[in-house]
Amino acid sequence: MAIAQKISSGPASPAPIRIELVDLETFVAVATLGSFSAAARQLNITQPSVTSRIQRLESSLGTKLLVRTTRRVELTPRGDLLRVEVGRTLMGLRRLVDSFRLDAAAARSRVVVAATPMVAATMLPGQMATAGNFAIPLNPPETPTGPVCRFTIYHSSP
């Protein structure tokens, strides 16, 4: 009867992945640099922290990822597979996060002005012209050209 219930309920949702992003980033650093101490320097953490992150990742995955010797670190076949896939995944995640941050920065640099037709036709053009082609630089040190605040003028209709 339990089998019949399981079949009728449809496919089970996938089990959650319980892996920390910092553990994956640490693994990629160790795999790329071939050294726990070099990875620790790059990540600005201690070597014992690198060791514990790698042990936690290996434990979570239930497989050995690295072969450690006194002189170097080598990837196991599964470690090499993980390095390739995690590298792609982290690159995509970084692009996505960068995109979100750029969108957020663009949204913060936008000013919307609502005005009656009279104000929009008589007062705003002169005021906006002094803003330099409807753009005002904000905090120029942030980028070589500095972010720009763009103006959009809407006028209300009666």
C-alpha atoms as a PDB file:
ATOM      1  CA  MET A   1       0.000   0.000   0.000  1.00  0.00           C
ATOM      2  CA  ALA A   2       2.862   2.423   0.751  1.00  0.00           C
ATOM      3  CA  ILE A   3       4.279   1.801  -2.736  1.00  0.00           C
ATOM      4  CA  ALA A   4       0.918   2.628  -4.340  1.00  0.00           C
ATOM      5  CA  GLN A   5       0.747   5.898  -2.377  1.00  0.00           C
ATOM      6  CA  LYS A   6       4.263   6.836  -3.392  1.00  0.00           C
ATOM      7  CA  ILE A   7       3.553   6.220  -7.068  1.00  0.00           C
ATOM      8  CA  SER A   8       0.262   8.087  -7.020  1.00  0.00           C
ATOM      9  CA  SER A   9       1.713  11.149  -5.304  1.00  0.00           C
ATOM     10  CA  GLY A  10       3.958  11.910  -8.288  1.00  0.00           C
ATOM     11  CA  PRO A  11       7.692  12.481  -8.400  1.00  0.00           C
ATOM     12  CA  ALA A  12       9.357  13.594  -5.198  1.00  0.00           C
ATOM     13  CA  SER A  13      10.985  17.001  -5.163  1.00  0.00           C
ATOM     14  CA  PRO A  14      14.786  16.896  -5.230  1.00  0.00           C
ATOM     15  CA  ALA A  15      16.543  16.878  -1.886  1.00  0.00           C
ATOM     16  CA  PRO A  16      17.969  20.260  -0.883  1.00  0.00           C
ATOM     17  CA  ILE A  17      21.664  20.781  -1.505  1.00  0.00           C
ATOM     18  CA  ARG A  18      23.375  21.466   1.795  1.00  0.00           C
ATOM     19  CA  ILE A  19      26.671  22.931   0.602  1.00  0.00           C
ATOM     20  CA  GLU A  20      28.092  26.286   1.609  1.00  0.00           C
ATOM     21  CA  LEU A  21      29.131  28.665  -1.170  1.00  0.00           C
ATOM     22  CA  VAL A  22      32.310  29.590   0.740  1.00  0.00           C
ATOM     23  CA  ASP A  23      33.262  25.899   0.834  1.00  0.00           C
ATOM     24  CA  LEU A  24      32.957  25.705  -2.953  1.00  0.00           C
ATOM     25  CA  GLU A  25      34.955  28.917  -3.414  1.00  0.00           C
ATOM     26  CA  THR A  26      37.616  27.550  -1.067  1.00  0.00           C
ATOM     27  CA  PHE A  27      37.744  24.271  -2.982  1.00  0.00           C
ATOM     28  CA  VAL A  28      38.239  26.116  -6.290  1.00  0.00           C
ATOM     29  CA  ALA A  29      41.052  28.180  -4.745  1.00  0.00           C
ATOM     30  CA  VAL A  30      42.817  25.056  -3.444  1.00  0.00           C
ATOM     31  CA  ALA A  31      42.299  23.230  -6.752  1.00  0.00           C
ATOM     32  CA  THR A  32      43.563  26.189  -8.784  1.00  0.00           C
ATOM     33  CA  LEU A  33      46.547  27.044  -6.592  1.00  0.00           C
ATOM     34  CA  GLY A  34      47.429  23.467  -5.615  1.00  0.00           C
ATOM     35  CA  SER A  35      48.059  24.458  -2.025  1.00  0.00           C
ATOM     36  CA  PHE A  36      46.055  24.965   1.151  1.00  0.00           C
ATOM     37  CA  SER A  37      48.352  27.739   2.375  1.00  0.00           C
ATOM     38  CA  ALA A  38      48.249  29.596  -0.978  1.00  0.00           C
ATOM     39  CA  ALA A  39      44.448  29.327  -0.978  1.00  0.00           C
ATOM     40  CA  ALA A  40      44.358  30.663   2.582  1.00  0.00           C
ATOM     41  CA  ARG A  41      46.461  33.686   1.564  1.00  0.00           C
ATOM     42  CA  GLN A  42      44.262  34.378  -1.473  1.00  0.00           C
ATOM     43  CA  LEU A  43      41.048  34.093   0.568  1.00  0.00           C
ATOM     44  CA  ASN A  44      42.474  36.043   3.532  1.00  0.00           C
ATOM     45  CA  ILE A  45      41.701  33.240   5.979  1.00  0.00           C
ATOM     46  CA  THR A  46      43.832  30.845   8.014  1.00  0.00           C
ATOM     47  CA  GLN A  47      45.107  27.544   6.658  1.00  0.00           C
ATOM     48  CA  PRO A  48      43.155  25.579   9.321  1.00  0.00           C
ATOM     49  CA  SER A  49      39.970  27.330   8.087  1.00  0.00           C
ATOM     50  CA  VAL A  50      40.722  26.143   4.547  1.00  0.00           C
ATOM     51  CA  THR A  51      41.227  22.616   5.859  1.00  0.00           C
ATOM     52  CA  SER A  52      37.931  22.624   7.772  1.00  0.00           C
ATOM     53  CA  ARG A  53      36.018  23.994   4.769  1.00  0.00           C
ATOM     54  CA  ILE A  54      37.425  21.289   2.493  1.00  0.00           C
ATOM     55  CA  GLN A  55      36.667  18.585   5.076  1.00  0.00           C
ATOM     56  CA  ARG A  56      33.100  19.900   5.443  1.00  0.00           C
ATOM     57  CA  LEU A  57      32.630  19.896   1.649  1.00  0.00           C
ATOM     58  CA  GLU A  58      34.007  16.362   1.297  1.00  0.00           C
ATOM     59  CA  SER A  59      31.755  15.226   4.138  1.00  0.00           C
ATOM     60  CA  SER A  60      28.679  16.880   2.581  1.00  0.00           C
ATOM     61  CA  LEU A  61      29.383  15.246  -0.770  1.00  0.00           C
ATOM     62  CA  GLY A  62      30.429  11.918   0.709  1.00  0.00           C
ATOM     63  CA  THR A  63      33.535  11.697  -1.464  1.00  0.00           C
ATOM     64  CA  LYS A  64      37.212  12.547  -1.386  1.00  0.00           C
ATOM     65  CA  LEU A  65      38.028  15.518  -3.619  1.00  0.00           C
ATOM     66  CA  LEU A  66      41.719  16.043  -2.946  1.00  0.00           C
ATOM     67  CA  VAL A  67      44.767  13.902  -2.325  1.00  0.00           C
ATOM     68  CA  ARG A  68      47.088  15.699   0.061  1.00  0.00           C
ATOM     69  CA  THR A  69      50.798  15.104   0.297  1.00  0.00           C
ATOM     70  CA  THR A  70      53.362  17.064   2.258  1.00  0.00           C
ATOM     71  CA  ARG A  71      54.411  18.920  -0.886  1.00  0.00           C
ATOM     72  CA  ARG A  72      51.266  19.383  -2.981  1.00  0.00           C
ATOM     73  CA  VAL A  73      47.563  18.797  -3.425  1.00  0.00           C
ATOM     74  CA  GLU A  74      46.137  16.786  -6.323  1.00  0.00           C
ATOM     75  CA  LEU A  75      42.527  16.435  -7.418  1.00  0.00           C
ATOM     76  CA  THR A  76      40.793  13.091  -7.439  1.00  0.00           C
ATOM     77  CA  PRO A  77      38.732  12.355 -10.586  1.00  0.00           C
ATOM     78  CA  ARG A  78      35.619  13.539  -8.719  1.00  0.00           C
ATOM     79  CA  GLY A  79      37.488  16.593  -7.486  1.00  0.00           C
ATOM     80  CA  ASP A  80      38.420  17.464 -11.052  1.00  0.00           C
ATOM     81  CA  LEU A  81      34.793  17.093 -12.148  1.00  0.00           C
ATOM     82  CA  LEU A  82      33.649  19.312  -9.281  1.00  0.00           C
ATOM     83  CA  ARG A  83      36.310  21.940 -10.084  1.00  0.00           C
ATOM     84  CA  VAL A  84      35.075  22.237 -13.678  1.00  0.00           C
ATOM     85  CA  GLU A  85      31.372  22.424 -12.780  1.00  0.00           C
ATOM     86  CA  VAL A  86      31.813  24.733  -9.799  1.00  0.00           C
ATOM     87  CA  GLY A  87      34.047  27.024 -11.870  1.00  0.00           C
ATOM     88  CA  ARG A  88      31.293  27.414 -14.480  1.00  0.00           C
ATOM     89  CA  THR A  89      28.620  27.837 -11.836  1.00  0.00           C
ATOM     90  CA  LEU A  90      30.537  30.475  -9.880  1.00  0.00           C
ATOM     91  CA  MET A  91      31.306  32.404 -13.057  1.00  0.00           C
ATOM     92  CA  GLY A  92      27.609  32.462 -13.969  1.00  0.00           C
ATOM     93  CA  LEU A  93      26.635  33.436 -10.439  1.00  0.00           C
ATOM     94  CA  ARG A  94      29.171  36.286 -10.430  1.00  0.00           C
ATOM     95  CA  ARG A  95      27.812  37.591 -13.750  1.00  0.00           C
ATOM     96  CA  LEU A  96      24.258  37.468 -12.382  1.00  0.00           C
ATOM     97  CA  VAL A  97      25.186  39.254  -9.146  1.00  0.00           C
ATOM     98  CA  ASP A  98      27.126  41.910 -11.110  1.00  0.00           C
ATOM     99  CA  SER A  99      24.086  42.424 -13.336  1.00  0.00           C
ATOM    100  CA  PHE A 100      21.819  42.881 -10.296  1.00  0.00           C
ATOM    101  CA  ARG A 101      24.246  45.378  -8.765  1.00  0.00           C
ATOM    102  CA  LEU A 102      24.482  47.390 -11.999  1.00  0.00           C
ATOM    103  CA  ASP A 103      20.689  47.481 -12.278  1.00  0.00           C
ATOM    104  CA  ALA A 104      20.401  48.632  -8.669  1.00  0.00           C
ATOM    105  CA  ALA A 105      22.999  51.357  -9.246  1.00  0.00           C
ATOM    106  CA  ALA A 106      21.176  52.535 -12.371  1.00  0.00           C
ATOM    107  CA  ALA A 107      17.876  52.659 -10.482  1.00  0.00           C
ATOM    108  CA  ARG A 108      19.459  54.779  -7.729  1.00  0.00           C
ATOM    109  CA  SER A 109      20.777  57.300 -10.242  1.00  0.00           C
ATOM    110  CA  ARG A 110      17.405  58.085 -11.822  1.00  0.00           C
ATOM    111  CA  VAL A 111      15.312  61.120 -10.902  1.00  0.00           C
ATOM    112  CA  VAL A 112      11.664  61.399 -11.979  1.00  0.00           C
ATOM    113  CA  VAL A 113      10.029  64.831 -11.971  1.00  0.00           C
ATOM    114  CA  ALA A 114       6.265  65.201 -12.212  1.00  0.00           C
ATOM    115  CA  ALA A 115       4.923  68.638 -13.079  1.00  0.00           C
ATOM    116  CA  THR A 116       1.804  70.315 -14.349  1.00  0.00           C
ATOM    117  CA  PRO A 117       1.841  71.186 -18.062  1.00  0.00           C
ATOM    118  CA  MET A 118       2.395  74.868 -17.227  1.00  0.00           C
ATOM    119  CA  VAL A 119       5.452  74.205 -15.027  1.00  0.00           C
ATOM    120  CA  ALA A 120       6.796  71.584 -17.464  1.00  0.00           C
ATOM    121  CA  ALA A 121       6.521  74.026 -20.366  1.00  0.00           C
ATOM    122  CA  THR A 122       7.736  77.190 -18.676  1.00  0.00           C
ATOM    123  CA  MET A 123       9.978  76.564 -15.673  1.00  0.00           C
ATOM    124  CA  LEU A 124      11.553  73.135 -16.078  1.00  0.00           C
ATOM    125  CA  PRO A 125      13.296  73.598 -19.453  1.00  0.00           C
ATOM    126  CA  GLY A 126      15.452  76.425 -18.113  1.00  0.00           C
ATOM    127  CA  GLN A 127      16.170  74.620 -14.854  1.00  0.00           C
ATOM    128  CA  MET A 128      17.010  71.357 -16.603  1.00  0.00           C
ATOM    129  CA  ALA A 129      19.241  73.033 -19.186  1.00  0.00           C
ATOM    130  CA  THR A 130      21.540  74.114 -16.364  1.00  0.00           C
ATOM    131  CA  ALA A 131      21.898  70.431 -15.430  1.00  0.00           C
ATOM    132  CA  GLY A 132      23.941  69.821 -18.582  1.00  0.00           C
ATOM    133  CA  ASN A 133      21.906  67.923 -21.167  1.00  0.00           C
ATOM    134  CA  PHE A 134      19.632  66.537 -18.474  1.00  0.00           C
ATOM    135  CA  ALA A 135      22.424  64.691 -16.656  1.00  0.00           C
ATOM    136  CA  ILE A 136      24.292  65.432 -13.458  1.00  0.00           C
ATOM    137  CA  PRO A 137      27.448  63.485 -12.473  1.00  0.00           C
ATOM    138  CA  LEU A 138      27.212  61.827  -9.080  1.00  0.00           C
ATOM    139  CA  ASN A 139      30.266  60.924  -6.993  1.00  0.00           C
ATOM    140  CA  PRO A 140      32.788  61.052  -9.879  1.00  0.00           C
ATOM    141  CA  PRO A 141      35.439  58.978  -8.038  1.00  0.00           C
ATOM    142  CA  GLU A 142      33.276  55.810  -8.328  1.00  0.00           C
ATOM    143  CA  THR A 143      34.152  55.290 -12.000  1.00  0.00           C
ATOM    144  CA  PRO A 144      36.459  57.051 -14.469  1.00  0.00           C
ATOM    145  CA  THR A 145      33.536  58.955 -15.958  1.00  0.00           C
ATOM    146  CA  GLY A 146      31.446  58.904 -12.794  1.00  0.00           C
ATOM    147  CA  PRO A 147      27.883  57.649 -12.572  1.00  0.00           C
ATOM    148  CA  VAL A 148      25.300  59.931 -14.104  1.00  0.00           C
ATOM    149  CA  CYS A 149      21.903  60.924 -12.807  1.00  0.00           C
ATOM    150  CA  ARG A 150      19.389  60.961 -15.683  1.00  0.00           C
ATOM    151  CA  PHE A 151      16.224  63.023 -15.581  1.00  0.00           C
ATOM    152  CA  THR A 152      12.864  61.990 -16.970  1.00  0.00           C
ATOM    153  CA  ILE A 153      10.158  64.656 -17.089  1.00  0.00           C
ATOM    154  CA  TYR A 154       6.496  63.688 -17.053  1.00  0.00           C
ATOM    155  CA  HIS A 155       3.710  66.200 -17.243  1.00  0.00           C
ATOM    156  CA  SER A 156       0.216  65.662 -15.950  1.00  0.00           C
ATOM    157  CA  SER A 157      -2.736  66.026 -18.291  1.00  0.00           C
ATOM    158  CA  PRO A 158      -5.947  67.690 -17.161  1.00  0.00           C
END
